[in-house]
Amino acid sequence: MASTSPRAKDPINSPVEESRSPAAYARAVVRAAKAQAPRDGRGGDTEIDEEEETPPAAAPVQTDVEVKASSPRTQLHTVYVDTIQPKRLVEVSKASEAGERCMVLHNFIIARICDVSGADATQAKDLVVTKCCCCGHVFPMPTSPIRALKRQRKVWPCGHWLFRLEFRFKLLLQEEECLQWVFVADEANGLLGESADEVAENLEARERAQKRLDALREDLGKPREGNSHSLTVYRHDGPDTSVFGAYVVCDTDLQLLPEALS
């Protein structure tokens, strides 16, 4: 006698399933296969059903490019950092009152770079000025060849003809809420790696100096967990300075770190 028990439901051959569209029928086959699989794991199946909840997006992974961009590219370094006890910016005023005229500063960031006009410095050639050797007045960098001007003994607006080229700009140092301006007056190759004469007359030297300036500008305002800046300053007192004088950078060079060389 034939069995009268109800036929087990066949999700594939069911008339209801057959009446669906081919796409719906295919989804039904997938669901039926998953229903028969063990529920303790998916056995490596990574396919996501259209009706299942979309998993949360993975957190973005920081790339090597992003890591390099956040790393410092330059470091101001003075030879005296290991021989003279460095000072923080908050200690400068008290040290000046005590009569200290030369200090090593550290643990700061560069907040701004300005040329002699007070504008933000972007071009290395704009940091070179003409300084009168007699009265100390400064003028813009000449456009004519330097040697020719010295042979011709050209008279500058101050009335003198002896001159030399110098780097003239200033840096704004910052440590938390404390700010301190320091001035650069240098004819040698201290900070930008080239002399003022070379930057004025040699295109390759100007490009190398520009690379250092660009790297330092990229570090403006960035926190420094390592490779802390350090520089030596001396106090210059004069009629054009404040009560504690102005601080001029000396015996300090700007180093390019591996991130900037790559």
Protein backbone atom coordinates (compact mmCIF):
# COMPACT_ATOMS: atom_id res chain seq x y z
CA MET A 1 0.00 0.00 0.00
CA ALA A 2 1.38 3.35 -1.02
CA SER A 3 2.34 5.71 1.70
CA THR A 4 -0.05 8.60 2.23
CA SER A 5 2.42 10.69 4.24
CA PRO A 6 2.81 14.15 2.88
CA ARG A 7 5.68 14.57 0.46
CA ALA A 8 8.70 16.32 1.89
CA LYS A 9 8.96 19.89 0.69
CA ASP A 10 11.37 20.17 -2.21
CA PRO A 11 12.53 23.77 -2.46
CA ILE A 12 13.87 23.12 -5.94
CA ASN A 13 10.98 21.27 -7.55
CA SER A 14 8.26 23.14 -5.68
CA PRO A 15 5.65 24.68 -8.04
CA VAL A 16 5.94 27.91 -6.10
CA GLU A 17 9.68 28.06 -6.72
CA GLU A 18 9.27 27.13 -10.38
CA SER A 19 6.83 30.00 -10.87
CA ARG A 20 9.46 32.50 -9.77
CA SER A 21 11.89 34.31 -12.06
CA PRO A 22 15.21 32.58 -12.87
CA ALA A 23 17.08 34.97 -10.53
CA ALA A 24 14.71 34.26 -7.64
CA TYR A 25 14.97 30.54 -8.35
CA ALA A 26 18.77 30.70 -8.18
CA ARG A 27 18.63 32.48 -4.84
CA ALA A 28 16.30 29.81 -3.52
CA VAL A 29 18.79 27.10 -4.49
CA VAL A 30 21.58 28.91 -2.61
CA ARG A 31 19.42 29.34 0.52
CA ALA A 32 18.44 25.68 0.45
CA ALA A 33 22.07 24.59 0.27
CA LYS A 34 23.01 26.83 3.17
CA ALA A 35 20.08 25.54 5.25
CA GLN A 36 21.46 21.99 4.96
CA ALA A 37 25.02 23.05 5.88
CA PRO A 38 26.19 23.01 9.53
CA ARG A 39 25.46 26.27 11.38
CA ASP A 40 28.70 26.33 13.38
CA GLY A 41 30.70 27.75 10.48
CA ARG A 42 30.55 28.59 6.82
CA GLY A 43 33.46 26.40 5.82
CA GLY A 44 35.33 29.22 4.12
CA ASP A 45 32.33 30.39 2.04
CA THR A 46 32.72 34.15 1.59
CA GLU A 47 29.74 34.76 -0.68
CA ILE A 48 27.22 37.22 0.81
CA ASP A 49 23.55 36.64 0.10
CA GLU A 50 21.67 39.66 -1.19
CA GLU A 51 19.13 39.40 1.63
CA GLU A 52 21.78 39.14 4.37
CA GLU A 53 22.87 42.18 6.34
CA THR A 54 25.90 43.94 4.85
CA PRO A 55 28.88 43.58 7.21
CA PRO A 56 30.43 46.78 8.62
CA ALA A 57 33.20 48.32 6.56
CA ALA A 58 36.71 47.64 7.75
CA ALA A 59 38.64 50.49 9.37
CA PRO A 60 40.94 52.30 6.92
CA VAL A 61 44.52 51.12 7.03
CA GLN A 62 47.23 53.77 7.13
CA THR A 63 49.49 53.40 4.11
CA ASP A 64 53.23 53.87 3.95
CA VAL A 65 52.71 57.14 2.10
CA GLU A 66 50.59 58.50 4.97
CA VAL A 67 53.18 57.43 7.52
CA LYS A 68 55.95 59.22 5.65
CA ALA A 69 53.84 62.35 5.26
CA SER A 70 53.35 62.59 9.02
CA SER A 71 57.04 62.10 9.81
CA PRO A 72 59.35 65.10 10.21
CA ARG A 73 61.49 65.87 7.18
CA THR A 74 63.99 68.25 8.74
CA GLN A 75 65.87 68.80 11.97
CA LEU A 76 67.61 71.92 13.25
CA HIS A 77 70.75 70.84 15.08
CA THR A 78 73.47 72.69 16.95
CA VAL A 79 76.86 71.29 17.94
CA TYR A 80 76.41 72.65 21.47
CA VAL A 81 73.31 70.61 22.33
CA ASP A 82 75.45 68.00 24.15
CA THR A 83 77.76 70.46 25.92
CA ILE A 84 75.39 73.23 27.10
CA GLN A 85 72.25 72.59 29.12
CA PRO A 86 69.36 73.28 26.70
CA LYS A 87 66.53 75.60 27.69
CA ARG A 88 62.83 75.60 26.98
CA LEU A 89 61.19 78.65 25.44
CA VAL A 90 59.47 79.52 28.71
CA GLU A 91 62.92 79.90 30.32
CA VAL A 92 64.29 82.45 27.83
CA SER A 93 62.90 85.56 29.51
CA LYS A 94 64.16 84.63 32.97
CA ALA A 95 67.57 83.68 31.55
CA SER A 96 67.81 87.08 29.83
CA GLU A 97 67.00 88.88 33.08
CA ALA A 98 69.80 86.89 34.73
CA GLY A 99 72.26 88.15 32.11
CA GLU A 100 72.63 85.07 29.90
CA ARG A 101 73.46 86.14 26.36
CA CYS A 102 73.95 82.77 24.67
CA MET A 103 71.57 79.81 24.96
CA VAL A 104 70.74 76.47 23.41
CA LEU A 105 67.00 76.07 22.79
CA HIS A 106 65.22 72.77 22.23
CA ASN A 107 61.87 70.99 22.34
CA PHE A 108 60.03 73.39 20.03
CA ILE A 109 58.42 73.39 16.60
CA ILE A 110 58.74 75.90 13.76
CA ALA A 111 55.47 77.80 13.45
CA ARG A 112 56.40 80.31 10.73
CA ILE A 113 59.21 81.43 8.39
CA CYS A 114 59.30 85.10 7.32
CA ASP A 115 61.58 87.15 5.08
CA VAL A 116 62.83 90.66 5.91
CA SER A 117 59.53 92.18 4.82
CA GLY A 118 57.56 90.05 7.30
CA ALA A 119 55.85 87.98 4.59
CA ASP A 120 55.85 84.18 4.64
CA ALA A 121 59.03 82.92 2.98
CA THR A 122 58.46 80.55 0.06
CA GLN A 123 61.51 81.11 -2.20
CA ALA A 124 65.12 80.63 -1.12
CA LYS A 125 66.33 83.47 -3.33
CA ASP A 126 64.03 85.90 -1.50
CA LEU A 127 65.95 85.21 1.72
CA VAL A 128 69.17 86.66 0.28
CA VAL A 129 69.80 90.39 0.78
CA THR A 130 72.61 92.85 0.04
CA LYS A 131 74.24 94.16 3.21
CA CYS A 132 76.39 97.29 3.28
CA CYS A 133 79.68 96.52 5.00
CA CYS A 134 80.00 100.12 6.21
CA CYS A 135 76.64 101.05 7.75
CA GLY A 136 74.85 97.70 7.88
CA HIS A 137 71.83 98.73 5.77
CA VAL A 138 70.26 95.97 3.70
CA PHE A 139 68.84 96.04 0.18
CA PRO A 140 67.28 93.47 -2.15
CA MET A 141 69.50 90.90 -3.80
CA PRO A 142 71.06 92.40 -6.96
CA THR A 143 70.10 91.03 -10.35
CA SER A 144 73.50 91.80 -11.92
CA PRO A 145 76.54 89.52 -11.48
CA ILE A 146 78.08 90.02 -8.04
CA ARG A 147 81.70 90.17 -9.17
CA ALA A 148 80.89 92.77 -11.81
CA LEU A 149 79.19 94.98 -9.22
CA LYS A 150 82.18 94.77 -6.91
CA ARG A 151 84.60 95.65 -9.71
CA GLN A 152 82.45 98.62 -10.74
CA ARG A 153 82.21 99.78 -7.11
CA LYS A 154 78.56 100.55 -7.51
CA VAL A 155 77.27 102.97 -4.86
CA TRP A 156 74.20 101.77 -2.97
CA PRO A 157 71.43 104.11 -1.73
CA CYS A 158 73.25 104.44 1.62
CA GLY A 159 76.22 106.06 -0.18
CA HIS A 160 78.70 103.17 0.21
CA TRP A 161 79.90 100.62 -2.30
CA LEU A 162 81.35 97.83 -0.11
CA PHE A 163 78.75 95.06 0.28
CA ARG A 164 78.25 91.37 0.80
CA LEU A 165 75.31 88.98 0.41
CA GLU A 166 73.64 87.42 3.45
CA PHE A 167 70.68 85.27 4.33
CA ARG A 168 68.22 87.35 6.30
CA PHE A 169 64.99 85.84 7.65
CA LYS A 170 63.37 84.92 10.93
CA LEU A 171 61.79 81.84 12.48
CA LEU A 172 58.88 81.72 14.88
CA LEU A 173 59.51 79.02 17.50
CA GLN A 174 56.58 77.57 19.42
CA GLU A 175 56.23 75.35 22.46
CA GLU A 176 52.59 74.95 23.48
CA GLU A 177 51.40 78.55 24.08
CA CYS A 178 54.89 80.09 24.22
CA LEU A 179 56.22 81.87 21.10
CA GLN A 180 59.72 83.21 20.39
CA TRP A 181 61.11 84.91 17.28
CA VAL A 182 64.74 84.18 16.34
CA PHE A 183 66.63 85.85 13.49
CA VAL A 184 68.97 84.41 10.87
CA ALA A 185 71.79 86.64 9.56
CA ASP A 186 74.20 84.34 7.78
CA GLU A 187 76.43 84.53 4.71
CA ALA A 188 77.80 80.99 5.01
CA ASN A 189 76.05 77.67 4.40
CA GLY A 190 74.51 77.07 7.82
CA LEU A 191 70.78 76.53 7.54
CA LEU A 192 70.09 76.11 3.82
CA GLY A 193 73.30 74.26 3.01
CA GLU A 194 74.52 76.84 0.48
CA SER A 195 76.19 80.22 0.76
CA ALA A 196 74.28 83.39 -0.09
CA ASP A 197 76.58 84.05 -3.08
CA GLU A 198 75.93 80.57 -4.48
CA VAL A 199 72.15 80.91 -4.14
CA ALA A 200 72.31 84.27 -5.94
CA GLU A 201 74.46 83.14 -8.87
CA ASN A 202 74.25 79.34 -9.20
CA LEU A 203 70.97 77.75 -10.29
CA GLU A 204 71.85 74.28 -8.96
CA ALA A 205 72.81 75.68 -5.56
CA ARG A 206 69.57 77.65 -5.48
CA GLU A 207 67.57 74.49 -6.19
CA ARG A 208 69.33 72.62 -3.38
CA ALA A 209 68.63 75.45 -0.96
CA GLN A 210 65.01 75.54 -2.14
CA LYS A 211 64.66 71.83 -1.38
CA ARG A 212 65.72 72.41 2.23
CA LEU A 213 63.38 75.36 2.58
CA ASP A 214 60.46 73.37 1.14
CA ALA A 215 61.13 70.49 3.54
CA LEU A 216 61.22 72.87 6.50
CA ARG A 217 57.96 74.49 5.36
CA GLU A 218 56.30 71.06 5.25
CA ASP A 219 57.18 70.63 8.93
CA LEU A 220 55.57 73.93 10.00
CA GLY A 221 53.32 73.43 13.01
CA LYS A 222 53.74 69.64 13.07
CA PRO A 223 54.31 67.93 16.43
CA ARG A 224 57.64 66.14 16.76
CA GLU A 225 57.74 62.93 18.80
CA GLY A 226 61.37 62.36 17.81
CA ASN A 227 64.21 64.23 16.12
CA SER A 228 63.66 67.29 18.28
CA HIS A 229 64.96 70.64 17.01
CA SER A 230 67.84 72.35 18.78
CA LEU A 231 69.56 75.63 17.96
CA THR A 232 72.00 78.10 19.48
CA VAL A 233 71.10 81.79 19.77
CA TYR A 234 72.92 84.85 21.06
CA ARG A 235 71.28 88.06 22.24
CA HIS A 236 71.81 91.19 20.18
CA ASP A 237 71.05 94.48 21.94
CA GLY A 238 70.51 97.64 19.94
CA PRO A 239 68.24 100.67 19.48
CA ASP A 240 65.89 98.67 17.25
CA THR A 241 65.36 95.77 19.68
CA SER A 242 63.03 95.23 22.61
CA VAL A 243 64.04 95.43 26.27
CA PHE A 244 65.60 91.96 26.19
CA GLY A 245 67.11 92.36 22.71
CA ALA A 246 66.75 90.12 19.69
CA TYR A 247 68.01 86.54 19.41
CA VAL A 248 70.17 85.62 16.42
CA VAL A 249 70.79 82.01 15.33
CA CYS A 250 74.39 80.79 15.19
CA ASP A 251 76.31 77.50 14.92
CA THR A 252 73.16 75.70 13.75
CA ASP A 253 72.49 73.72 10.61
CA LEU A 254 69.33 72.35 9.01
CA GLN A 255 69.55 68.61 8.36
CA LEU A 256 67.40 66.71 5.90
CA LEU A 257 66.08 63.47 7.41
CA PRO A 258 65.78 60.25 5.34
CA GLU A 259 62.08 60.96 4.65
CA ALA A 260 63.05 64.11 2.76
CA LEU A 261 65.90 62.47 0.85
CA SER A 262 63.79 59.62 -0.55
